[in-house]
Amino acid sequence: MNTLLQALQSFVAVYHAATDLVTAQNGWNCTIALVATDSNEAIALQIEDGRVVHLGGQPEAVDLLIRSDWATLYDILTFQRDPNEPYLFGELTVQGPEEHFLRLDYIATMLCAL
């Protein structure tokens, strides 16, 4: 069975391979939680200086909380769906400072375009 953690691991691998994109994120430090509202699967990822340094575990104190149904999160993490549409239609919600949200949105959008 595919899990969000597996999809996130693949997403991070693609992100880290996009070295120019990673370099552009220097100085960004953020803890993000992804929560599937229908399956209660939750994953945390920690970003330090623009690189993901930790994945997994139950999210505790986070800077950015992203919630959606499992299929939407999975489709975004596997580049089958751009995050903008589900966000605009309320299928995906984000809580946290706008600076973190805008940066993550930029990264996801750029990776979807690859």
N, C-alpha and C. Protein backbone atom coordinates (compact mmCIF):
# COMPACT_ATOMS: atom_id res chain seq x y z
N MET A 1 0.83 -1.19 0.00
CA MET A 1 0.00 0.00 0.00
C MET A 1 0.88 1.25 0.00
N ASN A 2 0.54 2.20 -0.84
CA ASN A 2 1.25 3.46 -0.87
C ASN A 2 0.82 4.31 0.31
N THR A 3 1.76 4.98 0.89
CA THR A 3 1.46 5.85 2.01
C THR A 3 1.88 7.27 1.68
N LEU A 4 1.38 8.20 2.44
CA LEU A 4 1.80 9.57 2.25
C LEU A 4 3.29 9.72 2.53
N LEU A 5 3.81 8.97 3.48
CA LEU A 5 5.24 9.06 3.77
C LEU A 5 6.06 8.65 2.55
N GLN A 6 5.68 7.58 1.87
CA GLN A 6 6.39 7.16 0.67
C GLN A 6 6.31 8.24 -0.41
N ALA A 7 5.13 8.81 -0.58
CA ALA A 7 4.95 9.87 -1.58
C ALA A 7 5.78 11.09 -1.21
N LEU A 8 5.82 11.43 0.08
CA LEU A 8 6.60 12.57 0.53
C LEU A 8 8.10 12.32 0.34
N GLN A 9 8.55 11.10 0.59
CA GLN A 9 9.95 10.76 0.37
C GLN A 9 10.34 10.97 -1.09
N SER A 10 9.47 10.56 -1.99
CA SER A 10 9.73 10.75 -3.42
C SER A 10 9.72 12.24 -3.78
N PHE A 11 8.77 12.98 -3.24
CA PHE A 11 8.69 14.42 -3.47
C PHE A 11 9.98 15.10 -3.03
N VAL A 12 10.45 14.74 -1.84
CA VAL A 12 11.67 15.35 -1.30
C VAL A 12 12.88 14.99 -2.17
N ALA A 13 12.94 13.77 -2.65
CA ALA A 13 14.05 13.36 -3.52
C ALA A 13 14.08 14.20 -4.79
N VAL A 14 12.92 14.44 -5.38
CA VAL A 14 12.85 15.28 -6.58
C VAL A 14 13.25 16.71 -6.23
N TYR A 15 12.78 17.20 -5.11
CA TYR A 15 13.14 18.56 -4.66
C TYR A 15 14.64 18.68 -4.47
N HIS A 16 15.24 17.76 -3.74
CA HIS A 16 16.68 17.83 -3.48
C HIS A 16 17.50 17.71 -4.77
N ALA A 17 16.97 17.03 -5.77
CA ALA A 17 17.67 16.91 -7.05
C ALA A 17 17.61 18.22 -7.85
N ALA A 18 16.66 19.06 -7.54
CA ALA A 18 16.54 20.37 -8.20
C ALA A 18 17.42 21.37 -7.45
N THR A 19 18.72 21.24 -7.63
CA THR A 19 19.69 21.97 -6.80
C THR A 19 19.52 23.48 -6.85
N ASP A 20 19.17 24.04 -8.00
CA ASP A 20 18.96 25.49 -8.07
C ASP A 20 17.79 25.91 -7.21
N LEU A 21 16.74 25.11 -7.20
CA LEU A 21 15.57 25.41 -6.38
C LEU A 21 15.91 25.31 -4.90
N VAL A 22 16.66 24.30 -4.53
CA VAL A 22 17.07 24.14 -3.13
C VAL A 22 17.96 25.30 -2.70
N THR A 23 18.91 25.66 -3.55
CA THR A 23 19.81 26.77 -3.23
C THR A 23 19.04 28.07 -3.03
N ALA A 24 18.00 28.27 -3.80
CA ALA A 24 17.17 29.48 -3.67
C ALA A 24 16.44 29.54 -2.34
N GLN A 25 16.35 28.41 -1.63
CA GLN A 25 15.63 28.36 -0.35
C GLN A 25 16.57 28.51 0.85
N ASN A 26 17.85 28.81 0.60
CA ASN A 26 18.80 29.02 1.70
C ASN A 26 18.22 29.98 2.73
N GLY A 27 18.37 29.63 3.98
CA GLY A 27 17.87 30.46 5.06
C GLY A 27 16.45 30.13 5.50
N TRP A 28 15.78 29.24 4.77
CA TRP A 28 14.41 28.88 5.13
C TRP A 28 14.44 27.75 6.14
N ASN A 29 13.81 27.98 7.28
CA ASN A 29 13.67 26.99 8.34
C ASN A 29 12.20 26.89 8.68
N CYS A 30 11.67 25.66 8.63
CA CYS A 30 10.23 25.49 8.81
C CYS A 30 9.92 24.04 9.16
N THR A 31 8.95 23.85 10.01
CA THR A 31 8.43 22.52 10.28
C THR A 31 7.01 22.46 9.73
N ILE A 32 6.74 21.46 8.90
CA ILE A 32 5.47 21.34 8.20
C ILE A 32 4.80 20.03 8.60
N ALA A 33 3.50 20.07 8.78
CA ALA A 33 2.72 18.86 9.01
C ALA A 33 1.71 18.69 7.89
N LEU A 34 1.63 17.49 7.35
CA LEU A 34 0.61 17.13 6.38
C LEU A 34 -0.36 16.20 7.08
N VAL A 35 -1.64 16.52 7.03
CA VAL A 35 -2.65 15.70 7.70
C VAL A 35 -3.74 15.33 6.70
N ALA A 36 -3.94 14.03 6.53
CA ALA A 36 -5.03 13.53 5.68
C ALA A 36 -6.29 13.49 6.54
N THR A 37 -7.25 14.31 6.18
CA THR A 37 -8.45 14.46 7.01
C THR A 37 -9.34 13.23 7.02
N ASP A 38 -9.25 12.39 6.00
CA ASP A 38 -10.13 11.22 5.94
C ASP A 38 -9.48 9.95 6.48
N SER A 39 -8.16 9.91 6.55
CA SER A 39 -7.49 8.70 7.04
C SER A 39 -6.72 8.96 8.34
N ASN A 40 -6.63 10.23 8.73
CA ASN A 40 -5.88 10.65 9.91
C ASN A 40 -4.40 10.33 9.82
N GLU A 41 -3.90 10.03 8.62
CA GLU A 41 -2.46 9.87 8.43
C GLU A 41 -1.82 11.25 8.53
N ALA A 42 -0.78 11.35 9.32
CA ALA A 42 -0.11 12.63 9.52
C ALA A 42 1.41 12.44 9.45
N ILE A 43 2.06 13.38 8.81
CA ILE A 43 3.51 13.32 8.64
C ILE A 43 4.09 14.70 8.91
N ALA A 44 5.23 14.71 9.55
CA ALA A 44 5.95 15.97 9.77
C ALA A 44 7.21 15.97 8.93
N LEU A 45 7.60 17.15 8.48
CA LEU A 45 8.90 17.29 7.85
C LEU A 45 9.53 18.56 8.35
N GLN A 46 10.83 18.48 8.57
CA GLN A 46 11.57 19.61 9.09
C GLN A 46 12.54 20.09 8.02
N ILE A 47 12.50 21.38 7.79
CA ILE A 47 13.37 22.00 6.80
C ILE A 47 14.34 22.92 7.52
N GLU A 48 15.61 22.74 7.22
CA GLU A 48 16.65 23.60 7.78
C GLU A 48 17.49 24.13 6.64
N ASP A 49 17.60 25.44 6.58
CA ASP A 49 18.38 26.11 5.54
C ASP A 49 17.99 25.64 4.14
N GLY A 50 16.68 25.41 3.94
CA GLY A 50 16.17 25.05 2.64
C GLY A 50 16.20 23.58 2.29
N ARG A 51 16.79 22.76 3.13
CA ARG A 51 16.87 21.31 2.87
C ARG A 51 16.01 20.56 3.88
N VAL A 52 15.36 19.51 3.40
CA VAL A 52 14.56 18.67 4.30
C VAL A 52 15.55 17.79 5.06
N VAL A 53 15.51 17.90 6.39
CA VAL A 53 16.46 17.15 7.22
C VAL A 53 15.80 16.03 8.01
N HIS A 54 14.46 16.04 8.05
CA HIS A 54 13.77 14.98 8.79
C HIS A 54 12.37 14.80 8.23
N LEU A 55 11.98 13.54 8.08
CA LEU A 55 10.64 13.17 7.63
C LEU A 55 10.05 12.16 8.58
N GLY A 56 8.76 12.23 8.79
CA GLY A 56 8.08 11.19 9.54
C GLY A 56 7.74 11.62 10.95
N GLY A 57 7.09 10.73 11.63
CA GLY A 57 6.69 11.00 12.99
C GLY A 57 5.41 11.82 13.05
N GLN A 58 4.86 11.85 14.21
CA GLN A 58 3.63 12.63 14.41
C GLN A 58 4.00 14.10 14.59
N PRO A 59 3.34 14.97 13.86
CA PRO A 59 3.64 16.39 13.98
C PRO A 59 3.25 16.93 15.35
N GLU A 60 4.13 17.72 15.91
CA GLU A 60 3.84 18.36 17.19
C GLU A 60 3.76 19.86 16.97
N ALA A 61 4.78 20.58 17.34
CA ALA A 61 4.81 22.02 17.10
C ALA A 61 5.24 22.25 15.66
N VAL A 62 4.35 22.86 14.89
CA VAL A 62 4.65 23.07 13.47
C VAL A 62 4.46 24.54 13.12
N ASP A 63 5.14 24.95 12.05
CA ASP A 63 4.99 26.30 11.53
C ASP A 63 3.86 26.35 10.51
N LEU A 64 3.70 25.26 9.78
CA LEU A 64 2.72 25.21 8.70
C LEU A 64 1.95 23.90 8.80
N LEU A 65 0.64 23.99 8.83
CA LEU A 65 -0.23 22.82 8.92
C LEU A 65 -1.05 22.75 7.64
N ILE A 66 -0.91 21.64 6.91
CA ILE A 66 -1.61 21.44 5.64
C ILE A 66 -2.58 20.28 5.82
N ARG A 67 -3.85 20.52 5.49
CA ARG A 67 -4.87 19.49 5.63
C ARG A 67 -5.63 19.32 4.33
N SER A 68 -5.88 18.06 3.99
CA SER A 68 -6.72 17.73 2.85
C SER A 68 -7.05 16.25 2.95
N ASP A 69 -7.90 15.78 2.04
CA ASP A 69 -8.14 14.35 2.01
C ASP A 69 -6.89 13.64 1.49
N TRP A 70 -6.79 12.36 1.78
CA TRP A 70 -5.61 11.56 1.45
C TRP A 70 -5.30 11.62 -0.04
N ALA A 71 -6.30 11.44 -0.88
CA ALA A 71 -6.08 11.38 -2.34
C ALA A 71 -5.51 12.69 -2.87
N THR A 72 -6.00 13.81 -2.38
CA THR A 72 -5.49 15.10 -2.84
C THR A 72 -4.04 15.28 -2.43
N LEU A 73 -3.72 14.98 -1.17
CA LEU A 73 -2.33 15.10 -0.73
C LEU A 73 -1.42 14.17 -1.54
N TYR A 74 -1.86 12.95 -1.74
CA TYR A 74 -1.07 11.98 -2.50
C TYR A 74 -0.85 12.46 -3.93
N ASP A 75 -1.90 12.95 -4.57
CA ASP A 75 -1.78 13.44 -5.94
C ASP A 75 -0.82 14.61 -6.05
N ILE A 76 -0.83 15.50 -5.07
CA ILE A 76 0.10 16.64 -5.08
C ILE A 76 1.53 16.15 -4.87
N LEU A 77 1.72 15.25 -3.93
CA LEU A 77 3.08 14.76 -3.63
C LEU A 77 3.66 13.93 -4.76
N THR A 78 2.81 13.35 -5.58
CA THR A 78 3.29 12.54 -6.71
C THR A 78 3.19 13.29 -8.03
N PHE A 79 3.01 14.61 -7.95
CA PHE A 79 3.00 15.50 -9.12
C PHE A 79 1.89 15.19 -10.12
N GLN A 80 0.82 14.59 -9.66
CA GLN A 80 -0.32 14.33 -10.52
C GLN A 80 -1.30 15.50 -10.49
N ARG A 81 -1.10 16.39 -9.52
CA ARG A 81 -2.01 17.51 -9.36
C ARG A 81 -1.25 18.70 -8.78
N ASP A 82 -1.48 19.85 -9.35
CA ASP A 82 -0.90 21.09 -8.84
C ASP A 82 -1.66 21.48 -7.57
N PRO A 83 -0.99 22.02 -6.56
CA PRO A 83 -1.68 22.34 -5.31
C PRO A 83 -2.61 23.54 -5.37
N ASN A 84 -2.48 24.37 -6.40
CA ASN A 84 -3.25 25.61 -6.44
C ASN A 84 -4.75 25.39 -6.56
N GLU A 85 -5.17 24.48 -7.42
CA GLU A 85 -6.61 24.26 -7.61
C GLU A 85 -7.30 23.77 -6.33
N PRO A 86 -6.77 22.72 -5.67
CA PRO A 86 -7.45 22.29 -4.44
C PRO A 86 -7.44 23.37 -3.35
N TYR A 87 -6.40 24.19 -3.33
CA TYR A 87 -6.36 25.27 -2.35
C TYR A 87 -7.45 26.31 -2.66
N LEU A 88 -7.55 26.70 -3.92
CA LEU A 88 -8.53 27.72 -4.30
C LEU A 88 -9.97 27.27 -4.05
N PHE A 89 -10.22 25.96 -4.19
CA PHE A 89 -11.57 25.45 -4.01
C PHE A 89 -11.83 24.92 -2.60
N GLY A 90 -10.89 25.15 -1.68
CA GLY A 90 -11.09 24.79 -0.29
C GLY A 90 -10.90 23.32 0.04
N GLU A 91 -10.39 22.54 -0.92
CA GLU A 91 -10.13 21.12 -0.66
C GLU A 91 -8.86 20.92 0.15
N LEU A 92 -8.00 21.92 0.12
CA LEU A 92 -6.73 21.87 0.83
C LEU A 92 -6.65 23.15 1.66
N THR A 93 -6.40 23.01 2.96
CA THR A 93 -6.29 24.18 3.82
C THR A 93 -4.88 24.28 4.38
N VAL A 94 -4.47 25.50 4.61
CA VAL A 94 -3.13 25.78 5.12
C VAL A 94 -3.25 26.75 6.28
N GLN A 95 -2.59 26.40 7.39
CA GLN A 95 -2.56 27.29 8.54
C GLN A 95 -1.11 27.57 8.86
N GLY A 96 -0.79 28.84 9.02
CA GLY A 96 0.56 29.23 9.37
C GLY A 96 0.93 30.52 8.67
N PRO A 97 2.13 31.00 8.93
CA PRO A 97 2.56 32.27 8.35
C PRO A 97 2.60 32.22 6.81
N GLU A 98 2.16 33.31 6.22
CA GLU A 98 2.09 33.40 4.77
C GLU A 98 3.45 33.18 4.11
N GLU A 99 4.53 33.65 4.74
CA GLU A 99 5.86 33.50 4.16
C GLU A 99 6.21 32.02 3.93
N HIS A 100 5.82 31.14 4.85
CA HIS A 100 6.09 29.70 4.69
C HIS A 100 5.19 29.11 3.60
N PHE A 101 3.93 29.51 3.62
CA PHE A 101 2.98 29.00 2.63
C PHE A 101 3.40 29.39 1.22
N LEU A 102 3.76 30.64 1.03
CA LEU A 102 4.15 31.10 -0.31
C LEU A 102 5.40 30.38 -0.81
N ARG A 103 6.33 30.15 0.07
CA ARG A 103 7.56 29.45 -0.34
C ARG A 103 7.26 28.00 -0.72
N LEU A 104 6.46 27.32 0.09
CA LEU A 104 6.11 25.93 -0.21
C LEU A 104 5.28 25.85 -1.49
N ASP A 105 4.38 26.77 -1.69
CA ASP A 105 3.58 26.80 -2.91
C ASP A 105 4.48 26.99 -4.12
N TYR A 106 5.44 27.87 -4.02
CA TYR A 106 6.38 28.10 -5.13
C TYR A 106 7.16 26.82 -5.45
N ILE A 107 7.65 26.14 -4.43
CA ILE A 107 8.41 24.91 -4.62
C ILE A 107 7.53 23.85 -5.31
N ALA A 108 6.34 23.63 -4.78
CA ALA A 108 5.45 22.62 -5.34
C ALA A 108 5.08 22.94 -6.79
N THR A 109 4.82 24.20 -7.07
CA THR A 109 4.46 24.61 -8.42
C THR A 109 5.63 24.40 -9.37
N MET A 110 6.83 24.78 -8.94
CA MET A 110 8.01 24.60 -9.79
C MET A 110 8.28 23.11 -10.05
N LEU A 111 8.13 22.29 -9.04
CA LEU A 111 8.39 20.85 -9.23
C LEU A 111 7.35 20.21 -10.12
N CYS A 112 6.11 20.66 -10.05
CA CYS A 112 5.07 20.13 -10.94
C CYS A 112 5.35 20.46 -12.39
N ALA A 113 6.05 21.57 -12.62
CA ALA A 113 6.34 22.01 -13.99
C ALA A 113 7.53 21.25 -14.60
N LEU A 114 8.27 20.52 -13.79
CA LEU A 114 9.45 19.80 -14.32
C LEU A 114 9.04 18.68 -15.24
